[in-house]
Structure formats: C-alpha cells, structure tokens
C-alpha cells in the first residue's frame, strides 16, 4: 500500500509489491538460497541489493528516498546472515562498507 496515495484517497489500494523467487532469480526459498543471495547482494554496485532495499523499505518514504550507504548495506546484510545478534562472526566475510 502506498501510504501517500492512501492518505489522499478514501479508497486505499493494496497491491503485491514483489514475489521473492522472481525478483531475485531464486530457484527456491530455502535458507541456503537466501544465504547465497546475501553474497550476491554484497558485490559492489549490486543491482540485486538495490532491488532488495526497495522491497525492504516497502518502496516507501522516507527510507527509500534516503537510500542505503555502504555502512547501511553491510549492517543490513549482516542482520540477514545472523540469527543471534550477539554473534556477528558470519559478518566478517562481508565486503561492503
């Protein structure tokens, strides 16, 4: 839902923003596929990361407008790799930032 559009109208429009398998070219949605995707997104100038960030922000202001610099990208990818926020050891393999 576009909140700006919804606030201008009494009839909000709900729509599907994306399907993960199609948007990221994934064969399945297994944990290993998501992990592989993180490393694809970690590449410099990754268009896949730009697509992911648009989806992550739900294509909404103000986050999408502000963008995501190298530090933001590394932090976000690190969060995707870890299930325990106190153990960020898997983040050492990331090259962003």
C-alpha atoms as a PDB file:
ATOM      1  CA  UNK A   1       0.000   0.000   0.000  1.00  0.00           C
ATOM      2  CA  UNK A   2       1.314   3.418  -0.936  1.00  0.00           C
ATOM      3  CA  UNK A   3       0.696   5.488   2.204  1.00  0.00           C
ATOM      4  CA  UNK A   4       0.911   8.807   0.378  1.00  0.00           C
ATOM      5  CA  UNK A   5      -1.724   7.611  -2.074  1.00  0.00           C
ATOM      6  CA  UNK A   6      -3.854   6.132   0.721  1.00  0.00           C
ATOM      7  CA  UNK A   7      -3.807   9.404   2.657  1.00  0.00           C
ATOM      8  CA  UNK A   8      -5.081  11.281  -0.407  1.00  0.00           C
ATOM      9  CA  UNK A   9      -7.980   8.920  -1.011  1.00  0.00           C
ATOM     10  CA  UNK A  10     -10.750   7.266   0.977  1.00  0.00           C
ATOM     11  CA  UNK A  11     -10.149   4.094  -1.023  1.00  0.00           C
ATOM     12  CA  UNK A  12      -6.676   2.700  -0.276  1.00  0.00           C
ATOM     13  CA  UNK A  13      -5.259   0.347  -2.888  1.00  0.00           C
ATOM     14  CA  UNK A  14      -3.450  -2.774  -1.683  1.00  0.00           C
ATOM     15  CA  UNK A  15      -1.111  -4.421  -4.179  1.00  0.00           C
ATOM     16  CA  UNK A  16       1.570  -7.100  -4.330  1.00  0.00           C
ATOM     17  CA  UNK A  17       4.965  -5.405  -4.447  1.00  0.00           C
ATOM     18  CA  UNK A  18       7.037  -8.446  -5.436  1.00  0.00           C
ATOM     19  CA  UNK A  19       7.499 -12.217  -5.354  1.00  0.00           C
ATOM     20  CA  UNK A  20      10.898 -13.100  -3.901  1.00  0.00           C
ATOM     21  CA  UNK A  21      11.720 -16.019  -6.210  1.00  0.00           C
ATOM     22  CA  UNK A  22      11.003 -13.931  -9.301  1.00  0.00           C
ATOM     23  CA  UNK A  23      12.521 -10.679  -8.065  1.00  0.00           C
ATOM     24  CA  UNK A  24      15.834 -12.248  -7.052  1.00  0.00           C
ATOM     25  CA  UNK A  25      16.016 -15.115  -9.562  1.00  0.00           C
ATOM     26  CA  UNK A  26      15.912 -17.757  -6.833  1.00  0.00           C
ATOM     27  CA  UNK A  27      15.072 -21.404  -7.559  1.00  0.00           C
ATOM     28  CA  UNK A  28      13.613 -21.858  -4.071  1.00  0.00           C
ATOM     29  CA  UNK A  29      13.227 -20.000  -0.782  1.00  0.00           C
ATOM     30  CA  UNK A  30      15.413 -22.268   1.338  1.00  0.00           C
ATOM     31  CA  UNK A  31      17.755 -20.813   3.970  1.00  0.00           C
ATOM     32  CA  UNK A  32      20.768 -21.719   1.814  1.00  0.00           C
ATOM     33  CA  UNK A  33      19.288 -19.837  -1.154  1.00  0.00           C
ATOM     34  CA  UNK A  34      18.741 -16.751   0.999  1.00  0.00           C
ATOM     35  CA  UNK A  35      22.303 -17.041   2.298  1.00  0.00           C
ATOM     36  CA  UNK A  36      23.615 -17.256  -1.265  1.00  0.00           C
ATOM     37  CA  UNK A  37      21.568 -14.185  -2.147  1.00  0.00           C
ATOM     38  CA  UNK A  38      23.266 -12.192   0.628  1.00  0.00           C
ATOM     39  CA  UNK A  39      26.651 -12.793  -1.002  1.00  0.00           C
ATOM     40  CA  UNK A  40      25.285 -11.787  -4.409  1.00  0.00           C
ATOM     41  CA  UNK A  41      23.951  -8.572  -2.852  1.00  0.00           C
ATOM     42  CA  UNK A  42      27.304  -7.964  -1.154  1.00  0.00           C
ATOM     43  CA  UNK A  43      29.030  -7.372  -4.504  1.00  0.00           C
ATOM     44  CA  UNK A  44      29.936  -3.745  -5.276  1.00  0.00           C
ATOM     45  CA  UNK A  45      27.212  -1.870  -7.177  1.00  0.00           C
ATOM     46  CA  UNK A  46      24.827  -4.809  -6.827  1.00  0.00           C
ATOM     47  CA  UNK A  47      21.579  -4.101  -8.630  1.00  0.00           C
ATOM     48  CA  UNK A  48      20.122  -7.050  -6.724  1.00  0.00           C
ATOM     49  CA  UNK A  49      20.803  -5.187  -3.475  1.00  0.00           C
ATOM     50  CA  UNK A  50      19.098  -2.077  -4.857  1.00  0.00           C
ATOM     51  CA  UNK A  51      16.040  -4.196  -5.683  1.00  0.00           C
ATOM     52  CA  UNK A  52      16.161  -5.836  -2.246  1.00  0.00           C
ATOM     53  CA  UNK A  53      16.410  -2.461  -0.495  1.00  0.00           C
ATOM     54  CA  UNK A  54      13.399  -1.181  -2.421  1.00  0.00           C
ATOM     55  CA  UNK A  55      11.433  -4.206  -1.237  1.00  0.00           C
ATOM     56  CA  UNK A  56      12.860  -3.984   2.303  1.00  0.00           C
ATOM     57  CA  UNK A  57      11.591  -0.420   2.616  1.00  0.00           C
ATOM     58  CA  UNK A  58       8.305  -1.428   1.005  1.00  0.00           C
ATOM     59  CA  UNK A  59       9.136   1.179  -1.656  1.00  0.00           C
ATOM     60  CA  UNK A  60       8.128   3.850   0.812  1.00  0.00           C
ATOM     61  CA  UNK A  61       9.339   7.145   2.077  1.00  0.00           C
ATOM     62  CA  UNK A  62      11.430   8.208   3.888  1.00  0.00           C
ATOM     63  CA  UNK A  63      13.777   5.190   3.922  1.00  0.00           C
ATOM     64  CA  UNK A  64      13.766   4.541   0.189  1.00  0.00           C
ATOM     65  CA  UNK A  65      14.381   8.212  -0.538  1.00  0.00           C
ATOM     66  CA  UNK A  66      17.256   8.372   1.958  1.00  0.00           C
ATOM     67  CA  UNK A  67      18.979   5.377   0.368  1.00  0.00           C
ATOM     68  CA  UNK A  68      21.443   2.963   1.918  1.00  0.00           C
ATOM     69  CA  UNK A  69      25.177   3.750   2.002  1.00  0.00           C
ATOM     70  CA  UNK A  70      27.968   1.190   2.429  1.00  0.00           C
ATOM     71  CA  UNK A  71      27.648   1.009   6.204  1.00  0.00           C
ATOM     72  CA  UNK A  72      23.878   0.631   5.986  1.00  0.00           C
ATOM     73  CA  UNK A  73      24.291  -2.113   3.375  1.00  0.00           C
ATOM     74  CA  UNK A  74      26.820  -4.029   5.465  1.00  0.00           C
ATOM     75  CA  UNK A  75      24.646  -3.785   8.589  1.00  0.00           C
ATOM     76  CA  UNK A  76      21.549  -4.947   6.737  1.00  0.00           C
ATOM     77  CA  UNK A  77      23.327  -7.875   5.090  1.00  0.00           C
ATOM     78  CA  UNK A  78      24.873  -8.814   8.435  1.00  0.00           C
ATOM     79  CA  UNK A  79      21.414  -8.915  10.010  1.00  0.00           C
ATOM     80  CA  UNK A  80      20.283 -11.261   7.246  1.00  0.00           C
ATOM     81  CA  UNK A  81      23.195 -13.638   7.930  1.00  0.00           C
ATOM     82  CA  UNK A  82      22.812 -13.841  11.700  1.00  0.00           C
ATOM     83  CA  UNK A  83      20.116 -15.351  13.849  1.00  0.00           C
ATOM     84  CA  UNK A  84      21.828 -14.353  17.110  1.00  0.00           C
ATOM     85  CA  UNK A  85      22.511 -10.619  17.331  1.00  0.00           C
ATOM     86  CA  UNK A  86      25.302 -11.216  19.843  1.00  0.00           C
ATOM     87  CA  UNK A  87      27.244 -13.396  17.365  1.00  0.00           C
ATOM     88  CA  UNK A  88      28.212 -11.362  14.321  1.00  0.00           C
ATOM     89  CA  UNK A  89      31.079 -13.679  13.297  1.00  0.00           C
ATOM     90  CA  UNK A  90      29.465 -14.507   9.937  1.00  0.00           C
ATOM     91  CA  UNK A  91      29.565 -10.796   9.101  1.00  0.00           C
ATOM     92  CA  UNK A  92      33.362 -10.849   8.808  1.00  0.00           C
ATOM     93  CA  UNK A  93      33.001 -12.377   5.336  1.00  0.00           C
ATOM     94  CA  UNK A  94      31.079  -9.352   4.052  1.00  0.00           C
ATOM     95  CA  UNK A  95      32.993  -6.852   1.984  1.00  0.00           C
ATOM     96  CA  UNK A  96      30.584  -3.907   1.909  1.00  0.00           C
ATOM     97  CA  UNK A  97      31.182  -0.541   3.535  1.00  0.00           C
END
